[in-house]
Amino acid sequence: MMLIPTHHFRDIERKPEYLQPEKCVPPPYPGPVGTMWFIRDGCGIACAIVTWFLVLYAEFVVLFVMLIPSRDYVYSIINGIVFNLLAFLALASHCRAMLTDPGAVPKGNATKEFIESLQLKPGQVVYKCPKCCSIKPDRAHHCSVCKRCIRKMDHHCPWVNNCVGENNQKYFVLFTMYIALISLHALIMVGFHFLHCFEEDWTTYGLNREEMAETGISLHEKMQPLNVSSTECSSFSPPTTVILLILLCFEGLLFLIFTSVMFGTQVHSICTDETGIERLKRKNQPREHTGSWQSVKETFGGDFSLNWFNPFSRPCQPEIPSDKDMVRQVTSLSDTETMEDPSEETKDEDSVEVTDE
């Protein structure tokens, strides 16, 4: 029996049915390249719908409350183009992050035949996920929502209804960046709009009878609904406009803080070549760390260019892992645990065990 390094075994992984490779069903025939990936999770789908609703609400307020009623056409056109472009890129990045395979490991490949085909040598070990019955490459982790092992999994984000992993981290970073930018842009426009309307049009709405008499404004004119031709502030009444702007201000401030923090943590993870899960677990596994700039280029797709900010361009495609990439070398035989395989009687003392992780 081969000794293996110390590992943390969860109770469910100690059950015999999870420890027998012959119990694994062979993986299904792989689908065509480019097959859409979608997680059927109720909470994630609801969060994704809420995300789109909030972006479209901001779009409505910016266009129909602030920009279209304005008589400054240059201001409206420039800000309208910038805001709509950022919103489009944010939603496109959200779709790519949600519908892109984050790096799922083939499911059900931990069969007895496949493990025997690896021809493991003494001192080598492979790790099998007991939940999805797959051979786990280095830095892969199981997601209980996606029900798959994901390569370089950082975390599962319900807002994109997907894991953030090796293949879609770029899209998630772009999504957080563009949401932060449109939130900041909306807050700036709301600030200018409040200043302008309080100084000019909305002061008329709050005049009393004496003040209206002095300014020559009749009660009938004051009670008339405001329209685009009569005001630069909004086609809605001032109270409705104030409520819409306050809600937008609250939404923008909340998402600016949240997405800025997420963007910063993701960039830090990319530069340090350490995922969020690895940072939490701090596993002392010997592996080669790539340089900070090299890791950034691999995530965003080559040398610096405008494609880094394009959600329709793919990141650098990782090399297709070979069977040998799933084999890990035992580095220490001290302070170890052993695990017994049901077919132990048919193996000699130099055989290599399959380890659950």
Protein backbone atom coordinates (compact mmCIF):
# COMPACT_ATOMS: atom_id res chain seq x y z
CA MET A 1 0.00 0.00 0.00
CA MET A 2 1.37 3.38 -1.05
CA LEU A 3 1.43 6.18 1.45
CA ILE A 4 -0.01 9.49 0.29
CA PRO A 5 0.29 13.06 1.62
CA THR A 6 -1.98 14.24 4.37
CA HIS A 7 -5.33 15.48 3.06
CA HIS A 8 -8.51 16.79 4.51
CA PHE A 9 -11.22 14.17 4.04
CA ARG A 10 -14.80 15.23 4.45
CA ASP A 11 -17.17 12.72 6.04
CA ILE A 12 -19.08 12.17 2.85
CA GLU A 13 -15.87 11.20 1.06
CA ARG A 14 -15.26 8.37 3.49
CA LYS A 15 -18.28 6.45 2.28
CA PRO A 16 -17.24 3.42 0.25
CA GLU A 17 -19.40 4.27 -2.76
CA TYR A 18 -17.42 7.47 -3.28
CA LEU A 19 -14.05 5.77 -3.03
CA GLN A 20 -14.42 3.13 -5.74
CA PRO A 21 -13.40 4.23 -9.24
CA GLU A 22 -15.39 1.35 -10.77
CA LYS A 23 -18.55 3.08 -9.51
CA CYS A 24 -17.96 6.03 -11.82
CA VAL A 25 -20.02 6.16 -14.98
CA PRO A 26 -17.95 6.83 -18.10
CA PRO A 27 -18.24 10.45 -19.28
CA PRO A 28 -20.75 11.19 -22.02
CA TYR A 29 -19.61 11.88 -25.55
CA PRO A 30 -18.27 15.45 -25.60
CA GLY A 31 -20.52 18.01 -27.22
CA PRO A 32 -19.50 20.22 -30.13
CA VAL A 33 -17.03 23.00 -29.52
CA GLY A 34 -18.77 26.26 -28.59
CA THR A 35 -21.77 24.62 -26.96
CA MET A 36 -23.52 27.15 -24.75
CA TRP A 37 -22.95 26.75 -21.03
CA PHE A 38 -25.84 27.60 -18.73
CA ILE A 39 -26.39 26.80 -15.05
CA ARG A 40 -29.99 25.98 -14.11
CA ASP A 41 -29.95 27.56 -10.66
CA GLY A 42 -33.02 29.46 -9.52
CA CYS A 43 -31.14 31.90 -7.31
CA GLY A 44 -28.54 32.60 -9.98
CA ILE A 45 -31.14 33.14 -12.70
CA ALA A 46 -33.06 35.53 -10.43
CA CYS A 47 -29.87 37.49 -9.63
CA ALA A 48 -29.00 37.70 -13.34
CA ILE A 49 -32.47 39.03 -14.15
CA VAL A 50 -32.20 41.61 -11.35
CA THR A 51 -28.82 42.69 -12.74
CA TRP A 52 -30.28 43.34 -16.18
CA PHE A 53 -33.31 45.10 -14.67
CA LEU A 54 -31.11 47.49 -12.67
CA VAL A 55 -28.96 48.34 -15.70
CA LEU A 56 -32.07 48.94 -17.83
CA TYR A 57 -33.58 51.10 -15.07
CA ALA A 58 -30.43 53.23 -15.03
CA GLU A 59 -30.66 53.41 -18.82
CA PHE A 60 -34.29 54.64 -18.61
CA VAL A 61 -33.56 57.33 -16.01
CA VAL A 62 -30.44 58.59 -17.75
CA LEU A 63 -32.12 58.83 -21.16
CA PHE A 64 -35.71 59.88 -20.43
CA VAL A 65 -35.22 61.88 -17.24
CA MET A 66 -31.88 63.60 -17.78
CA LEU A 67 -30.58 63.55 -21.35
CA ILE A 68 -33.52 63.69 -23.77
CA PRO A 69 -35.29 66.63 -22.04
CA SER A 70 -32.07 68.64 -21.99
CA ARG A 71 -31.71 71.47 -24.51
CA ASP A 72 -27.94 71.13 -24.48
CA TYR A 73 -27.75 68.73 -27.40
CA VAL A 74 -23.98 68.38 -27.32
CA TYR A 75 -24.09 67.40 -23.65
CA SER A 76 -26.91 64.93 -24.29
CA ILE A 77 -25.32 63.31 -27.33
CA ILE A 78 -21.86 62.88 -25.81
CA ASN A 79 -23.11 61.52 -22.49
CA GLY A 80 -25.73 59.38 -24.20
CA ILE A 81 -23.14 57.72 -26.43
CA VAL A 82 -20.69 57.15 -23.58
CA PHE A 83 -23.30 55.78 -21.18
CA ASN A 84 -24.95 53.51 -23.74
CA LEU A 85 -21.60 52.18 -24.92
CA LEU A 86 -20.53 51.34 -21.37
CA ALA A 87 -23.93 49.78 -20.61
CA PHE A 88 -23.74 47.65 -23.76
CA LEU A 89 -20.24 46.45 -22.89
CA ALA A 90 -21.33 45.70 -19.32
CA LEU A 91 -24.29 43.59 -20.44
CA ALA A 92 -22.21 41.87 -23.13
CA SER A 93 -19.55 41.03 -20.53
CA HIS A 94 -22.29 39.73 -18.23
CA CYS A 95 -23.61 37.43 -20.96
CA ARG A 96 -20.14 36.13 -21.79
CA ALA A 97 -19.35 35.51 -18.12
CA MET A 98 -22.67 33.71 -17.65
CA LEU A 99 -22.70 31.61 -20.84
CA THR A 100 -19.02 30.66 -21.06
CA ASP A 101 -17.73 27.37 -19.71
CA PRO A 102 -15.52 28.52 -16.80
CA GLY A 103 -13.20 25.54 -17.22
CA ALA A 104 -15.19 22.47 -16.24
CA VAL A 105 -13.28 19.23 -15.81
CA PRO A 106 -14.71 16.28 -17.79
CA LYS A 107 -17.34 14.67 -15.61
CA GLY A 108 -17.17 10.98 -14.76
CA ASN A 109 -13.69 10.29 -16.14
CA ALA A 110 -12.43 8.71 -12.89
CA THR A 111 -13.21 5.22 -14.14
CA LYS A 112 -11.11 2.19 -13.29
CA GLU A 113 -10.11 1.74 -16.93
CA PHE A 114 -9.01 5.36 -17.30
CA ILE A 115 -6.98 5.31 -14.10
CA GLU A 116 -5.26 2.09 -15.17
CA SER A 117 -4.47 3.67 -18.55
CA LEU A 118 -2.45 6.39 -16.80
CA GLN A 119 0.15 3.73 -15.84
CA LEU A 120 1.00 5.44 -12.58
CA LYS A 121 4.45 4.88 -11.18
CA PRO A 122 5.39 4.53 -7.51
CA GLY A 123 5.32 7.93 -5.86
CA GLN A 124 2.59 9.25 -8.15
CA VAL A 125 -1.03 9.89 -7.23
CA VAL A 126 -4.21 11.15 -8.86
CA TYR A 127 -7.02 12.94 -7.07
CA LYS A 128 -10.64 12.00 -7.67
CA CYS A 129 -13.58 14.23 -6.82
CA PRO A 130 -16.14 12.05 -5.02
CA LYS A 131 -19.03 14.32 -6.00
CA CYS A 132 -18.70 14.53 -9.80
CA CYS A 133 -16.47 11.45 -10.14
CA SER A 134 -13.77 13.22 -12.14
CA ILE A 135 -9.99 13.30 -11.99
CA LYS A 136 -9.07 16.70 -10.56
CA PRO A 137 -6.18 18.56 -12.18
CA ASP A 138 -4.03 20.83 -10.09
CA ARG A 139 -5.86 23.97 -8.85
CA ALA A 140 -9.30 22.57 -9.69
CA HIS A 141 -12.11 22.80 -7.14
CA HIS A 142 -15.63 21.41 -7.00
CA CYS A 143 -18.58 23.82 -7.17
CA SER A 144 -21.69 22.59 -5.41
CA VAL A 145 -23.92 24.87 -7.55
CA CYS A 146 -22.47 23.97 -10.95
CA LYS A 147 -21.97 20.38 -9.75
CA ARG A 148 -18.66 20.25 -11.58
CA CYS A 149 -14.98 20.65 -10.83
CA ILE A 150 -13.73 23.96 -12.25
CA ARG A 151 -10.11 24.68 -13.22
CA LYS A 152 -8.67 27.69 -11.36
CA MET A 153 -12.03 28.32 -9.73
CA ASP A 154 -12.07 31.68 -7.95
CA HIS A 155 -15.65 31.66 -6.64
CA HIS A 156 -19.23 31.10 -7.71
CA CYS A 157 -20.97 34.40 -8.42
CA PRO A 158 -24.79 34.35 -8.36
CA TRP A 159 -24.92 37.71 -10.18
CA VAL A 160 -23.54 36.03 -13.32
CA ASN A 161 -25.09 32.65 -12.45
CA ASN A 162 -21.77 30.92 -13.02
CA CYS A 163 -18.41 30.12 -11.55
CA VAL A 164 -15.51 32.47 -12.18
CA GLY A 165 -12.76 30.25 -13.49
CA GLU A 166 -10.00 29.83 -16.00
CA ASN A 167 -12.03 30.56 -19.14
CA ASN A 168 -14.36 33.38 -18.08
CA GLN A 169 -12.43 35.41 -15.50
CA LYS A 170 -11.70 38.06 -18.13
CA TYR A 171 -15.40 38.58 -18.80
CA PHE A 172 -16.17 38.83 -15.10
CA VAL A 173 -13.43 41.44 -14.60
CA LEU A 174 -14.77 43.45 -17.56
CA PHE A 175 -18.31 43.17 -16.18
CA THR A 176 -17.32 44.59 -12.80
CA MET A 177 -15.24 47.32 -14.44
CA TYR A 178 -17.98 48.51 -16.82
CA ILE A 179 -20.66 48.41 -14.10
CA ALA A 180 -18.41 50.55 -11.88
CA LEU A 181 -17.86 53.01 -14.75
CA ILE A 182 -21.54 53.42 -15.62
CA SER A 183 -22.35 53.78 -11.93
CA LEU A 184 -19.78 56.56 -11.59
CA HIS A 185 -20.98 58.20 -14.81
CA ALA A 186 -24.61 58.08 -13.65
CA LEU A 187 -23.73 59.59 -10.26
CA ILE A 188 -21.89 62.47 -11.94
CA MET A 189 -24.82 63.19 -14.25
CA VAL A 190 -27.29 63.03 -11.36
CA GLY A 191 -25.20 65.56 -9.45
CA PHE A 192 -25.14 68.01 -12.37
CA HIS A 193 -28.85 67.48 -12.96
CA PHE A 194 -29.78 68.25 -9.36
CA LEU A 195 -27.66 71.42 -9.35
CA HIS A 196 -29.08 72.66 -12.63
CA CYS A 197 -32.74 71.95 -11.84
CA PHE A 198 -32.66 73.31 -8.32
CA GLU A 199 -31.17 76.54 -9.62
CA GLU A 200 -33.62 76.99 -12.48
CA ASP A 201 -36.82 75.09 -13.22
CA TRP A 202 -37.66 73.38 -9.91
CA THR A 203 -37.60 76.66 -7.99
CA THR A 204 -40.73 77.71 -9.88
CA TYR A 205 -42.58 74.60 -8.70
CA GLY A 206 -42.17 75.61 -5.07
CA LEU A 207 -43.21 79.29 -5.31
CA ASN A 208 -46.09 80.55 -3.16
CA ARG A 209 -48.86 82.88 -4.37
CA GLU A 210 -47.02 86.10 -3.53
CA GLU A 211 -43.85 84.95 -5.24
CA MET A 212 -45.82 83.82 -8.30
CA ALA A 213 -47.51 87.21 -8.48
CA GLU A 214 -44.16 88.95 -8.37
CA THR A 215 -42.72 86.76 -11.10
CA GLY A 216 -45.86 86.88 -13.23
CA ILE A 217 -46.57 83.15 -13.08
CA SER A 218 -50.21 82.13 -12.79
CA LEU A 219 -51.47 79.25 -10.68
CA HIS A 220 -52.71 77.56 -13.85
CA GLU A 221 -49.22 77.68 -15.40
CA LYS A 222 -47.67 76.29 -12.24
CA MET A 223 -50.04 73.30 -12.12
CA GLN A 224 -49.51 72.43 -15.78
CA PRO A 225 -47.56 69.18 -16.25
CA LEU A 226 -44.00 69.83 -17.24
CA ASN A 227 -43.00 68.70 -20.73
CA VAL A 228 -39.89 68.60 -22.81
CA SER A 229 -40.61 71.87 -24.53
CA SER A 230 -41.16 73.77 -21.27
CA THR A 231 -38.28 72.51 -19.16
CA GLU A 232 -34.78 71.20 -19.46
CA CYS A 233 -35.07 69.03 -16.36
CA SER A 234 -37.49 66.24 -17.08
CA SER A 235 -40.67 65.27 -18.86
CA PHE A 236 -41.94 64.11 -15.46
CA SER A 237 -43.10 66.25 -12.57
CA PRO A 238 -40.40 67.41 -10.14
CA PRO A 239 -41.45 65.04 -7.31
CA THR A 240 -41.41 62.03 -9.67
CA THR A 241 -38.09 63.15 -11.10
CA VAL A 242 -36.57 63.53 -7.64
CA ILE A 243 -37.69 60.03 -6.65
CA LEU A 244 -36.29 58.48 -9.84
CA LEU A 245 -32.98 60.29 -9.42
CA ILE A 246 -32.65 59.37 -5.74
CA LEU A 247 -33.24 55.69 -6.56
CA LEU A 248 -30.66 55.89 -9.35
CA CYS A 249 -28.23 57.64 -7.01
CA PHE A 250 -28.65 54.92 -4.39
CA GLU A 251 -28.25 52.17 -6.99
CA GLY A 252 -25.20 53.80 -8.53
CA LEU A 253 -23.47 54.35 -5.20
CA LEU A 254 -24.15 50.80 -4.04
CA PHE A 255 -22.92 49.15 -7.22
CA LEU A 256 -19.96 51.49 -7.57
CA ILE A 257 -18.64 50.37 -4.18
CA PHE A 258 -19.47 46.70 -4.69
CA THR A 259 -18.09 46.31 -8.21
CA SER A 260 -15.00 48.40 -7.47
CA VAL A 261 -14.11 46.08 -4.60
CA MET A 262 -14.76 43.01 -6.76
CA PHE A 263 -12.70 44.46 -9.60
CA GLY A 264 -9.80 45.16 -7.24
CA THR A 265 -9.85 41.67 -5.71
CA GLN A 266 -9.99 40.04 -9.16
CA VAL A 267 -7.06 42.08 -10.48
CA HIS A 268 -5.11 41.23 -7.32
CA SER A 269 -5.87 37.52 -7.79
CA ILE A 270 -4.71 37.66 -11.41
CA CYS A 271 -1.50 39.54 -10.59
CA THR A 272 -0.61 37.21 -7.72
CA ASP A 273 -1.72 34.10 -9.65
CA GLU A 274 -3.78 33.00 -6.67
CA THR A 275 -7.52 32.37 -6.80
CA GLY A 276 -9.90 33.37 -4.05
CA ILE A 277 -10.30 29.77 -2.88
CA GLU A 278 -6.53 29.28 -2.77
CA ARG A 279 -6.15 32.49 -0.81
CA LEU A 280 -8.68 31.26 1.75
CA LYS A 281 -7.32 27.76 2.06
CA ARG A 282 -3.63 28.64 1.74
CA LYS A 283 -2.71 25.17 0.59
CA ASN A 284 0.98 24.43 0.72
CA GLN A 285 1.07 22.72 -2.64
CA PRO A 286 4.25 23.00 -4.65
CA ARG A 287 3.39 24.61 -7.97
CA GLU A 288 5.02 27.01 -10.35
CA HIS A 289 3.87 30.62 -10.03
CA THR A 290 3.83 32.59 -13.25
CA GLY A 291 4.97 36.20 -13.25
CA SER A 292 2.39 38.89 -12.58
CA TRP A 293 2.46 40.31 -16.11
CA GLN A 294 2.43 36.84 -17.66
CA SER A 295 -0.65 35.91 -15.66
CA VAL A 296 -2.41 39.11 -16.75
CA LYS A 297 -1.62 38.42 -20.41
CA GLU A 298 -2.93 34.87 -20.15
CA THR A 299 -6.17 36.08 -18.58
CA PHE A 300 -6.91 38.95 -20.97
CA GLY A 301 -5.52 37.42 -24.16
CA GLY A 302 -1.95 38.25 -25.17
CA ASP A 303 -0.07 41.51 -25.12
CA PHE A 304 -1.81 44.73 -24.15
CA SER A 305 -4.29 45.92 -26.76
CA LEU A 306 -7.87 47.13 -27.07
CA ASN A 307 -8.95 43.49 -27.12
CA TRP A 308 -8.30 43.42 -23.39
CA PHE A 309 -11.43 45.57 -23.00
CA ASN A 310 -13.44 43.71 -25.63
CA PRO A 311 -15.90 41.15 -24.19
CA PHE A 312 -16.14 39.49 -27.60
CA SER A 313 -12.45 38.54 -27.77
CA ARG A 314 -11.34 35.36 -26.08
CA PRO A 315 -8.59 35.10 -23.48
CA CYS A 316 -5.55 32.99 -24.22
CA GLN A 317 -6.78 29.45 -24.62
CA PRO A 318 -5.03 27.21 -22.08
CA GLU A 319 -3.23 24.19 -23.34
CA ILE A 320 -5.46 21.14 -23.44
CA PRO A 321 -4.40 19.13 -20.39
CA SER A 322 -3.08 15.71 -21.21
CA ASP A 323 -3.71 12.64 -19.13
CA LYS A 324 -0.29 12.98 -17.53
CA ASP A 325 -1.19 16.47 -16.30
CA MET A 326 -3.66 14.84 -13.93
CA VAL A 327 -0.91 12.89 -12.20
CA ARG A 328 0.77 14.49 -9.19
CA GLN A 329 4.00 13.52 -7.56
CA VAL A 330 4.13 12.71 -3.86
CA THR A 331 6.64 15.08 -2.26
CA SER A 332 6.62 13.81 1.30
CA LEU A 333 5.92 10.43 2.83
CA SER A 334 5.96 11.59 6.43
CA ASP A 335 2.91 12.35 8.56
CA THR A 336 0.66 10.69 6.01
CA GLU A 337 -2.60 8.86 5.90
CA THR A 338 -3.41 5.77 3.90
CA MET A 339 -6.56 4.88 2.05
CA GLU A 340 -7.60 1.36 1.24
CA ASP A 341 -8.91 0.45 -2.20
CA PRO A 342 -11.48 -2.35 -2.51
CA SER A 343 -9.29 -4.18 -5.04
CA GLU A 344 -6.30 -4.04 -2.71
CA GLU A 345 -5.85 -7.80 -2.76
CA THR A 346 -4.98 -7.76 -6.44
CA LYS A 347 -2.20 -5.16 -6.08
CA ASP A 348 1.34 -5.47 -4.93
CA GLU A 349 3.09 -3.26 -2.42
CA ASP A 350 4.35 -0.80 -5.04
CA SER A 351 0.93 -0.03 -6.51
CA VAL A 352 -0.37 3.55 -6.50
CA GLU A 353 -3.61 4.50 -4.81
CA VAL A 354 -6.36 6.80 -6.00
CA THR A 355 -6.94 9.60 -3.53
CA ASP A 356 -10.10 11.57 -2.95
CA GLU A 357 -9.71 15.32 -2.44
